[in-house]
Amino acid sequence: MLKLESKKVVTWDQLETMRQRWREDNRVVVFTNGVFDILHAGHVYYLQQARDLGDLLIVGLNSDASVRRYKGSDRPLQSEEDRAFVLAGLESVDYVTLFEQDTPGELIDRLIPDVLVKGGDYTPDDIVGAKTVRSHGGTVQVIPFVPGRATSNILDKYVRSRDRNFSESP
């Protein structure tokens, strides 16, 4: 089987080493995280907006085990390897790193980004890692969702279509 790899998919240790250089160069590091199971236009818009807040965008990606704990046993639909590869292929994403934990809190504590970003269903004070980022002089941003563009909408539409086609079969 073909192994999908990208130089943009890195370990936490690699990020820490790079982060030291970025600090010396006064580069603004933006961090966000998510499952990104079915990448869609809303995700791409969100990631572009996040990237515009700094010099580099790092995406923390929930591992398969983390997704199963968070979304249930039928998710993710795509493997962590495939999800990381797709994210790494986006121009707006500089680096992708996986996390096994239920939240990216430990990763944020190690990376200490300058800007922490989440999507519109959060308030800044509810975002995991906000306290850490602010305590180091960073900011927390919420980017509004693009209306009608959500993974759950896509999955619901697919299920309705599948069910309709199944019920119409002879």
N, C-alpha and C. Protein backbone atom coordinates (compact mmCIF):
# COMPACT_ATOMS: atom_id res chain seq x y z
N MET A 1 0.83 -1.18 0.00
CA MET A 1 0.00 0.00 0.00
C MET A 1 0.88 1.25 0.00
N LEU A 2 0.48 2.25 -0.74
CA LEU A 2 1.21 3.50 -0.85
C LEU A 2 1.19 4.24 0.48
N LYS A 3 2.36 4.66 0.95
CA LYS A 3 2.46 5.42 2.19
C LYS A 3 2.46 6.91 1.83
N LEU A 4 1.47 7.63 2.33
CA LEU A 4 1.36 9.05 2.06
C LEU A 4 2.15 9.82 3.11
N GLU A 5 3.12 10.59 2.65
CA GLU A 5 3.96 11.35 3.57
C GLU A 5 4.12 12.77 3.08
N SER A 6 4.38 13.65 4.01
CA SER A 6 4.66 15.05 3.69
C SER A 6 5.68 15.57 4.69
N LYS A 7 6.58 16.43 4.21
CA LYS A 7 7.55 17.06 5.10
C LYS A 7 6.88 18.03 6.06
N LYS A 8 5.64 18.37 5.79
CA LYS A 8 4.90 19.30 6.63
C LYS A 8 4.24 18.60 7.82
N VAL A 9 4.23 17.28 7.83
CA VAL A 9 3.69 16.51 8.96
C VAL A 9 4.86 16.20 9.87
N VAL A 10 4.83 16.78 11.08
CA VAL A 10 5.99 16.73 11.97
C VAL A 10 5.60 16.28 13.37
N THR A 11 6.60 15.93 14.15
CA THR A 11 6.39 15.51 15.53
C THR A 11 6.38 16.74 16.44
N TRP A 12 5.96 16.53 17.67
CA TRP A 12 5.98 17.60 18.66
C TRP A 12 7.41 18.07 18.90
N ASP A 13 8.35 17.14 18.97
CA ASP A 13 9.74 17.50 19.21
C ASP A 13 10.29 18.37 18.07
N GLN A 14 9.95 18.02 16.85
CA GLN A 14 10.39 18.82 15.71
C GLN A 14 9.81 20.23 15.80
N LEU A 15 8.54 20.32 16.17
CA LEU A 15 7.91 21.64 16.31
C LEU A 15 8.59 22.48 17.39
N GLU A 16 8.91 21.86 18.51
CA GLU A 16 9.59 22.60 19.59
C GLU A 16 10.92 23.17 19.14
N THR A 17 11.68 22.38 18.39
CA THR A 17 12.96 22.85 17.87
C THR A 17 12.76 24.03 16.92
N MET A 18 11.80 23.89 16.01
CA MET A 18 11.52 24.97 15.06
C MET A 18 10.98 26.20 15.79
N ARG A 19 10.17 25.98 16.82
CA ARG A 19 9.57 27.09 17.56
C ARG A 19 10.63 27.99 18.17
N GLN A 20 11.72 27.42 18.64
CA GLN A 20 12.81 28.22 19.20
C GLN A 20 13.38 29.17 18.15
N ARG A 21 13.57 28.66 16.94
CA ARG A 21 14.08 29.50 15.85
C ARG A 21 13.07 30.59 15.48
N TRP A 22 11.80 30.21 15.43
CA TRP A 22 10.77 31.19 15.07
C TRP A 22 10.71 32.32 16.08
N ARG A 23 10.89 32.01 17.35
CA ARG A 23 10.91 33.05 18.39
C ARG A 23 12.07 34.01 18.15
N GLU A 24 13.24 33.45 17.87
CA GLU A 24 14.42 34.28 17.60
C GLU A 24 14.20 35.20 16.40
N ASP A 25 13.43 34.73 15.43
CA ASP A 25 13.14 35.51 14.22
C ASP A 25 11.88 36.37 14.36
N ASN A 26 11.29 36.38 15.56
CA ASN A 26 10.07 37.15 15.83
C ASN A 26 8.92 36.80 14.89
N ARG A 27 8.79 35.53 14.57
CA ARG A 27 7.69 35.08 13.70
C ARG A 27 6.47 34.76 14.56
N VAL A 28 5.31 35.15 14.08
CA VAL A 28 4.06 34.94 14.79
C VAL A 28 3.50 33.56 14.41
N VAL A 29 3.39 32.69 15.42
CA VAL A 29 2.93 31.32 15.21
C VAL A 29 1.46 31.22 15.60
N VAL A 30 0.65 30.74 14.65
CA VAL A 30 -0.78 30.53 14.86
C VAL A 30 -1.01 29.03 15.00
N PHE A 31 -1.87 28.66 15.94
CA PHE A 31 -2.19 27.25 16.16
C PHE A 31 -3.70 27.06 16.14
N THR A 32 -4.14 26.01 15.49
CA THR A 32 -5.51 25.56 15.59
C THR A 32 -5.51 24.05 15.61
N ASN A 33 -6.67 23.49 15.89
CA ASN A 33 -6.73 22.03 15.92
C ASN A 33 -8.11 21.55 15.50
N GLY A 34 -8.20 20.27 15.19
CA GLY A 34 -9.48 19.69 14.84
C GLY A 34 -9.33 18.29 14.29
N VAL A 35 -10.47 17.76 13.87
CA VAL A 35 -10.55 16.41 13.33
C VAL A 35 -10.30 16.43 11.82
N PHE A 36 -10.92 17.36 11.12
CA PHE A 36 -10.76 17.53 9.67
C PHE A 36 -10.96 16.21 8.93
N ASP A 37 -12.07 15.54 9.23
CA ASP A 37 -12.34 14.22 8.66
C ASP A 37 -12.75 14.30 7.19
N ILE A 38 -13.66 15.19 6.89
CA ILE A 38 -14.07 15.41 5.50
C ILE A 38 -13.76 16.87 5.22
N LEU A 39 -12.62 17.13 4.59
CA LEU A 39 -12.20 18.49 4.34
C LEU A 39 -13.14 19.14 3.32
N HIS A 40 -13.66 20.30 3.67
CA HIS A 40 -14.63 20.99 2.80
C HIS A 40 -14.32 22.49 2.74
N ALA A 41 -15.10 23.22 1.97
CA ALA A 41 -14.86 24.65 1.75
C ALA A 41 -14.84 25.43 3.05
N GLY A 42 -15.68 25.09 4.01
CA GLY A 42 -15.68 25.77 5.30
C GLY A 42 -14.35 25.62 6.01
N HIS A 43 -13.78 24.41 5.96
CA HIS A 43 -12.46 24.17 6.56
C HIS A 43 -11.38 25.01 5.87
N VAL A 44 -11.40 24.99 4.55
CA VAL A 44 -10.37 25.71 3.80
C VAL A 44 -10.44 27.20 4.10
N TYR A 45 -11.65 27.76 4.13
CA TYR A 45 -11.82 29.18 4.46
C TYR A 45 -11.28 29.45 5.87
N TYR A 46 -11.67 28.61 6.81
CA TYR A 46 -11.24 28.76 8.20
C TYR A 46 -9.72 28.74 8.31
N LEU A 47 -9.08 27.79 7.66
CA LEU A 47 -7.63 27.66 7.73
C LEU A 47 -6.93 28.85 7.06
N GLN A 48 -7.49 29.36 5.97
CA GLN A 48 -6.92 30.55 5.33
C GLN A 48 -7.02 31.76 6.27
N GLN A 49 -8.18 31.90 6.92
CA GLN A 49 -8.36 33.01 7.85
C GLN A 49 -7.40 32.89 9.03
N ALA A 50 -7.22 31.69 9.54
CA ALA A 50 -6.30 31.47 10.65
C ALA A 50 -4.87 31.81 10.23
N ARG A 51 -4.47 31.37 9.06
CA ARG A 51 -3.10 31.63 8.56
C ARG A 51 -2.83 33.11 8.43
N ASP A 52 -3.86 33.88 8.06
CA ASP A 52 -3.70 35.33 7.89
C ASP A 52 -3.43 36.06 9.21
N LEU A 53 -3.57 35.37 10.33
CA LEU A 53 -3.34 35.99 11.64
C LEU A 53 -1.88 35.97 12.08
N GLY A 54 -1.02 35.35 11.28
CA GLY A 54 0.39 35.27 11.67
C GLY A 54 1.28 34.88 10.51
N ASP A 55 2.48 34.44 10.86
CA ASP A 55 3.47 34.06 9.86
C ASP A 55 3.45 32.58 9.52
N LEU A 56 2.99 31.75 10.46
CA LEU A 56 2.97 30.30 10.27
C LEU A 56 1.70 29.74 10.89
N LEU A 57 1.12 28.74 10.25
CA LEU A 57 -0.05 28.06 10.81
C LEU A 57 0.29 26.61 11.08
N ILE A 58 0.12 26.22 12.33
CA ILE A 58 0.30 24.83 12.75
C ILE A 58 -1.07 24.26 13.07
N VAL A 59 -1.36 23.09 12.53
CA VAL A 59 -2.63 22.41 12.79
C VAL A 59 -2.37 21.18 13.64
N GLY A 60 -2.99 21.15 14.82
CA GLY A 60 -2.97 19.95 15.65
C GLY A 60 -4.13 19.07 15.21
N LEU A 61 -3.84 17.85 14.83
CA LEU A 61 -4.84 16.94 14.28
C LEU A 61 -5.12 15.81 15.27
N ASN A 62 -6.39 15.64 15.61
CA ASN A 62 -6.77 14.53 16.49
C ASN A 62 -6.37 13.21 15.84
N SER A 63 -5.71 12.35 16.60
CA SER A 63 -5.39 11.00 16.11
C SER A 63 -6.68 10.21 15.93
N ASP A 64 -6.58 9.07 15.27
CA ASP A 64 -7.76 8.23 15.08
C ASP A 64 -8.38 7.84 16.42
N ALA A 65 -7.54 7.45 17.38
CA ALA A 65 -8.06 7.05 18.69
C ALA A 65 -8.76 8.21 19.39
N SER A 66 -8.18 9.39 19.29
CA SER A 66 -8.78 10.59 19.89
C SER A 66 -10.13 10.89 19.24
N VAL A 67 -10.22 10.75 17.93
CA VAL A 67 -11.48 11.00 17.22
C VAL A 67 -12.55 10.01 17.66
N ARG A 68 -12.18 8.75 17.78
CA ARG A 68 -13.16 7.73 18.21
C ARG A 68 -13.72 8.05 19.59
N ARG A 69 -12.86 8.50 20.49
CA ARG A 69 -13.33 8.88 21.83
C ARG A 69 -14.25 10.09 21.77
N TYR A 70 -13.97 11.00 20.85
CA TYR A 70 -14.69 12.27 20.75
C TYR A 70 -15.97 12.15 19.91
N LYS A 71 -15.90 11.44 18.78
CA LYS A 71 -17.01 11.40 17.82
C LYS A 71 -17.75 10.07 17.78
N GLY A 72 -17.18 9.02 18.38
CA GLY A 72 -17.83 7.72 18.35
C GLY A 72 -17.07 6.72 17.50
N SER A 73 -17.46 5.46 17.61
CA SER A 73 -16.71 4.36 16.99
C SER A 73 -16.77 4.36 15.46
N ASP A 74 -17.73 5.07 14.87
CA ASP A 74 -17.82 5.08 13.40
C ASP A 74 -16.99 6.19 12.76
N ARG A 75 -16.27 6.91 13.55
CA ARG A 75 -15.41 7.97 13.03
C ARG A 75 -13.98 7.73 13.50
N PRO A 76 -12.97 8.20 12.85
CA PRO A 76 -13.05 9.02 11.65
C PRO A 76 -13.33 8.19 10.41
N LEU A 77 -13.79 8.84 9.38
CA LEU A 77 -14.03 8.17 8.11
C LEU A 77 -12.73 7.96 7.35
N GLN A 78 -11.78 8.87 7.58
CA GLN A 78 -10.47 8.77 6.95
C GLN A 78 -9.41 8.60 8.04
N SER A 79 -8.35 7.91 7.71
CA SER A 79 -7.29 7.66 8.68
C SER A 79 -6.54 8.95 9.01
N GLU A 80 -5.86 8.94 10.15
CA GLU A 80 -5.05 10.10 10.54
C GLU A 80 -3.98 10.38 9.50
N GLU A 81 -3.41 9.33 8.91
CA GLU A 81 -2.40 9.52 7.86
C GLU A 81 -2.99 10.28 6.68
N ASP A 82 -4.18 9.89 6.23
CA ASP A 82 -4.80 10.55 5.09
C ASP A 82 -5.23 11.97 5.44
N ARG A 83 -5.80 12.16 6.62
CA ARG A 83 -6.22 13.50 7.03
C ARG A 83 -5.03 14.44 7.14
N ALA A 84 -3.92 13.96 7.70
CA ALA A 84 -2.71 14.79 7.82
C ALA A 84 -2.15 15.13 6.44
N PHE A 85 -2.14 14.18 5.54
CA PHE A 85 -1.62 14.39 4.20
C PHE A 85 -2.43 15.44 3.45
N VAL A 86 -3.75 15.35 3.55
CA VAL A 86 -4.62 16.32 2.87
C VAL A 86 -4.40 17.72 3.45
N LEU A 87 -4.38 17.84 4.77
CA LEU A 87 -4.13 19.15 5.39
C LEU A 87 -2.78 19.72 4.98
N ALA A 88 -1.76 18.88 4.96
CA ALA A 88 -0.41 19.32 4.60
C ALA A 88 -0.37 19.82 3.16
N GLY A 89 -1.28 19.36 2.34
CA GLY A 89 -1.33 19.79 0.94
C GLY A 89 -1.91 21.18 0.74
N LEU A 90 -2.47 21.75 1.79
CA LEU A 90 -3.06 23.09 1.68
C LEU A 90 -1.99 24.17 1.81
N GLU A 91 -2.06 25.17 0.96
CA GLU A 91 -1.10 26.27 0.99
C GLU A 91 -1.10 27.02 2.31
N SER A 92 -2.27 27.13 2.93
CA SER A 92 -2.38 27.90 4.17
C SER A 92 -1.79 27.20 5.38
N VAL A 93 -1.56 25.90 5.29
CA VAL A 93 -1.06 25.11 6.42
C VAL A 93 0.45 24.93 6.29
N ASP A 94 1.17 25.36 7.33
CA ASP A 94 2.63 25.22 7.31
C ASP A 94 3.09 23.90 7.89
N TYR A 95 2.43 23.46 8.99
CA TYR A 95 2.78 22.19 9.62
C TYR A 95 1.56 21.54 10.22
N VAL A 96 1.59 20.21 10.26
CA VAL A 96 0.54 19.40 10.88
C VAL A 96 1.22 18.48 11.87
N THR A 97 0.60 18.34 13.04
CA THR A 97 1.11 17.39 14.02
C THR A 97 -0.07 16.69 14.68
N LEU A 98 0.09 15.43 14.97
CA LEU A 98 -0.98 14.63 15.58
C LEU A 98 -0.92 14.72 17.10
N PHE A 99 -2.10 14.62 17.72
CA PHE A 99 -2.13 14.47 19.18
C PHE A 99 -3.09 13.36 19.55
N GLU A 100 -2.67 12.55 20.51
CA GLU A 100 -3.42 11.37 20.97
C GLU A 100 -4.41 11.70 22.08
N GLN A 101 -4.19 12.80 22.76
CA GLN A 101 -5.00 13.16 23.91
C GLN A 101 -6.40 13.59 23.45
N ASP A 102 -7.30 13.73 24.43
CA ASP A 102 -8.67 14.17 24.11
C ASP A 102 -8.70 15.63 23.69
N THR A 103 -7.76 16.43 24.18
CA THR A 103 -7.66 17.83 23.81
C THR A 103 -6.22 18.15 23.45
N PRO A 104 -6.00 19.28 22.77
CA PRO A 104 -4.63 19.66 22.43
C PRO A 104 -3.93 20.44 23.54
N GLY A 105 -4.44 20.42 24.74
CA GLY A 105 -3.89 21.21 25.84
C GLY A 105 -2.41 20.99 26.06
N GLU A 106 -1.99 19.74 26.12
CA GLU A 106 -0.57 19.44 26.35
C GLU A 106 0.30 19.95 25.21
N LEU A 107 -0.17 19.80 24.00
CA LEU A 107 0.56 20.29 22.82
C LEU A 107 0.69 21.82 22.87
N ILE A 108 -0.39 22.50 23.21
CA ILE A 108 -0.37 23.96 23.31
C ILE A 108 0.60 24.39 24.40
N ASP A 109 0.61 23.67 25.52
CA ASP A 109 1.55 23.99 26.61
C ASP A 109 3.00 23.87 26.15
N ARG A 110 3.29 22.93 25.28
CA ARG A 110 4.66 22.75 24.79
C ARG A 110 5.01 23.76 23.70
N LEU A 111 4.06 24.05 22.83
CA LEU A 111 4.32 24.92 21.69
C LEU A 111 4.21 26.41 22.04
N ILE A 112 3.28 26.74 22.90
CA ILE A 112 2.97 28.12 23.28
C ILE A 112 2.89 29.03 22.04
N PRO A 113 1.84 28.85 21.26
CA PRO A 113 1.67 29.69 20.07
C PRO A 113 1.38 31.14 20.45
N ASP A 114 1.60 32.02 19.50
CA ASP A 114 1.30 33.44 19.71
C ASP A 114 -0.18 33.72 19.54
N VAL A 115 -0.82 32.95 18.66
CA VAL A 115 -2.25 33.11 18.40
C VAL A 115 -2.88 31.72 18.42
N LEU A 116 -3.94 31.58 19.19
CA LEU A 116 -4.70 30.34 19.26
C LEU A 116 -6.05 30.61 18.61
N VAL A 117 -6.45 29.74 17.68
CA VAL A 117 -7.66 29.97 16.89
C VAL A 117 -8.57 28.75 16.94
N LYS A 118 -9.88 29.02 17.04
CA LYS A 118 -10.90 27.97 16.92
C LYS A 118 -12.06 28.51 16.10
N GLY A 119 -12.94 27.59 15.69
CA GLY A 119 -14.10 27.95 14.89
C GLY A 119 -15.21 28.56 15.72
N GLY A 120 -16.19 29.12 15.03
CA GLY A 120 -17.24 29.94 15.60
C GLY A 120 -18.15 29.35 16.64
N ASP A 121 -18.07 28.08 16.95
CA ASP A 121 -18.94 27.51 17.99
C ASP A 121 -18.29 27.61 19.37
N TYR A 122 -17.19 28.28 19.48
CA TYR A 122 -16.49 28.46 20.75
C TYR A 122 -16.54 29.92 21.18
N THR A 123 -16.37 30.13 22.47
CA THR A 123 -16.08 31.48 22.96
C THR A 123 -14.61 31.45 23.38
N PRO A 124 -13.92 32.58 23.30
CA PRO A 124 -12.47 32.57 23.59
C PRO A 124 -12.12 31.95 24.94
N ASP A 125 -12.93 32.19 25.96
CA ASP A 125 -12.61 31.65 27.29
C ASP A 125 -12.82 30.14 27.40
N ASP A 126 -13.58 29.55 26.47
CA ASP A 126 -13.85 28.11 26.50
C ASP A 126 -12.84 27.30 25.68
N ILE A 127 -11.93 27.95 25.02
CA ILE A 127 -10.98 27.26 24.14
C ILE A 127 -9.85 26.67 24.97
N VAL A 128 -9.63 25.37 24.80
CA VAL A 128 -8.54 24.69 25.49
C VAL A 128 -7.22 25.36 25.13
N GLY A 129 -6.45 25.71 26.13
CA GLY A 129 -5.15 26.34 25.93
C GLY A 129 -5.17 27.85 25.97
N ALA A 130 -6.36 28.45 26.03
CA ALA A 130 -6.46 29.91 26.03
C ALA A 130 -5.70 30.54 27.18
N LYS A 131 -5.82 29.96 28.35
CA LYS A 131 -5.16 30.51 29.53
C LYS A 131 -3.63 30.49 29.35
N THR A 132 -3.11 29.39 28.84
CA THR A 132 -1.67 29.27 28.59
C THR A 132 -1.20 30.32 27.60
N VAL A 133 -1.90 30.43 26.48
CA VAL A 133 -1.49 31.38 25.43
C VAL A 133 -1.52 32.81 25.96
N ARG A 134 -2.60 33.17 26.64
CA ARG A 134 -2.71 34.53 27.18
C ARG A 134 -1.65 34.82 28.23
N SER A 135 -1.33 33.80 29.04
CA SER A 135 -0.34 34.01 30.11
C SER A 135 1.06 34.28 29.55
N HIS A 136 1.27 33.95 28.28
CA HIS A 136 2.55 34.22 27.62
C HIS A 136 2.45 35.40 26.65
N GLY A 137 1.38 36.18 26.78
CA GLY A 137 1.24 37.38 25.95
C GLY A 137 0.58 37.16 24.60
N GLY A 138 0.06 35.96 24.36
CA GLY A 138 -0.58 35.67 23.09
C GLY A 138 -2.05 36.05 23.08
N THR A 139 -2.69 35.82 21.94
CA THR A 139 -4.10 36.14 21.78
C THR A 139 -4.89 34.90 21.38
N VAL A 140 -6.20 34.98 21.62
CA VAL A 140 -7.12 33.90 21.27
C VAL A 140 -8.17 34.49 20.33
N GLN A 141 -8.39 33.83 19.21
CA GLN A 141 -9.31 34.32 18.20
C GLN A 141 -10.36 33.26 17.87
N VAL A 142 -11.57 33.71 17.57
CA VAL A 142 -12.62 32.83 17.09
C VAL A 142 -12.98 33.28 15.68
N ILE A 143 -12.94 32.34 14.74
CA ILE A 143 -13.30 32.64 13.35
C ILE A 143 -14.69 32.08 13.11
N PRO A 144 -15.61 32.92 12.64
CA PRO A 144 -16.98 32.46 12.42
C PRO A 144 -17.05 31.35 11.37
N PHE A 145 -18.01 30.46 11.56
CA PHE A 145 -18.25 29.41 10.58
C PHE A 145 -18.78 30.02 9.29
N VAL A 146 -18.55 29.33 8.18
CA VAL A 146 -19.18 29.69 6.92
C VAL A 146 -20.55 29.00 6.93
N PRO A 147 -21.63 29.77 6.86
CA PRO A 147 -22.96 29.17 6.95
C PRO A 147 -23.18 28.04 5.94
N GLY A 148 -23.77 26.95 6.43
CA GLY A 148 -24.11 25.82 5.58
C GLY A 148 -22.95 24.93 5.18
N ARG A 149 -21.76 25.23 5.66
CA ARG A 149 -20.60 24.43 5.28
C ARG A 149 -20.04 23.76 6.52
N ALA A 150 -20.52 22.57 6.79
CA ALA A 150 -20.07 21.81 7.96
C ALA A 150 -20.06 20.33 7.61
N THR A 151 -19.17 19.60 8.25
CA THR A 151 -19.06 18.16 8.00
C THR A 151 -20.40 17.47 8.27
N SER A 152 -21.07 17.84 9.36
CA SER A 152 -22.35 17.19 9.68
C SER A 152 -23.37 17.43 8.56
N ASN A 153 -23.38 18.61 7.93
CA ASN A 153 -24.29 18.87 6.81
C ASN A 153 -23.99 17.94 5.64
N ILE A 154 -22.72 17.76 5.34
CA ILE A 154 -22.31 16.89 4.24
C ILE A 154 -22.72 15.45 4.53
N LEU A 155 -22.46 14.98 5.74
CA LEU A 155 -22.82 13.61 6.10
C LEU A 155 -24.33 13.41 6.08
N ASP A 156 -25.07 14.37 6.60
CA ASP A 156 -26.54 14.27 6.58
C ASP A 156 -27.06 14.21 5.15
N LYS A 157 -26.54 15.04 4.28
CA LYS A 157 -26.96 15.05 2.87
C LYS A 157 -26.65 13.71 2.21
N TYR A 158 -25.48 13.17 2.50
CA TYR A 158 -25.11 11.86 1.95
C TYR A 158 -26.06 10.78 2.42
N VAL A 159 -26.37 10.75 3.71
CA VAL A 159 -27.26 9.72 4.26
C VAL A 159 -28.65 9.85 3.64
N ARG A 160 -29.16 11.06 3.53
CA ARG A 160 -30.49 11.25 2.91
C ARG A 160 -30.49 10.76 1.47
N SER A 161 -29.42 11.08 0.74
CA SER A 161 -29.31 10.67 -0.66
C SER A 161 -29.23 9.15 -0.76
N ARG A 162 -28.41 8.55 0.09
CA ARG A 162 -28.25 7.09 0.08
C ARG A 162 -29.56 6.41 0.42
N ASP A 163 -30.23 6.92 1.46
CA ASP A 163 -31.51 6.32 1.88
C ASP A 163 -32.56 6.46 0.79
N ARG A 164 -32.60 7.61 0.12
CA ARG A 164 -33.56 7.83 -0.95
C ARG A 164 -33.28 6.88 -2.10
N ASN A 165 -32.01 6.74 -2.48
CA ASN A 165 -31.64 5.85 -3.59
C ASN A 165 -31.91 4.41 -3.24
N PHE A 166 -31.70 4.04 -1.98
CA PHE A 166 -31.95 2.67 -1.55
C PHE A 166 -33.44 2.35 -1.59
N SER A 167 -34.26 3.28 -1.13
CA SER A 167 -35.71 3.04 -1.08
C SER A 167 -36.32 3.05 -2.49
N GLU A 168 -35.65 3.70 -3.44
CA GLU A 168 -36.17 3.73 -4.82
C GLU A 168 -35.70 2.53 -5.64
N SER A 169 -34.80 1.74 -5.11
CA SER A 169 -34.29 0.57 -5.83
C SER A 169 -35.39 -0.46 -5.99
N PRO A 170 -35.38 -1.19 -7.15
CA PRO A 170 -36.41 -2.23 -7.37
C PRO A 170 -36.27 -3.41 -6.41
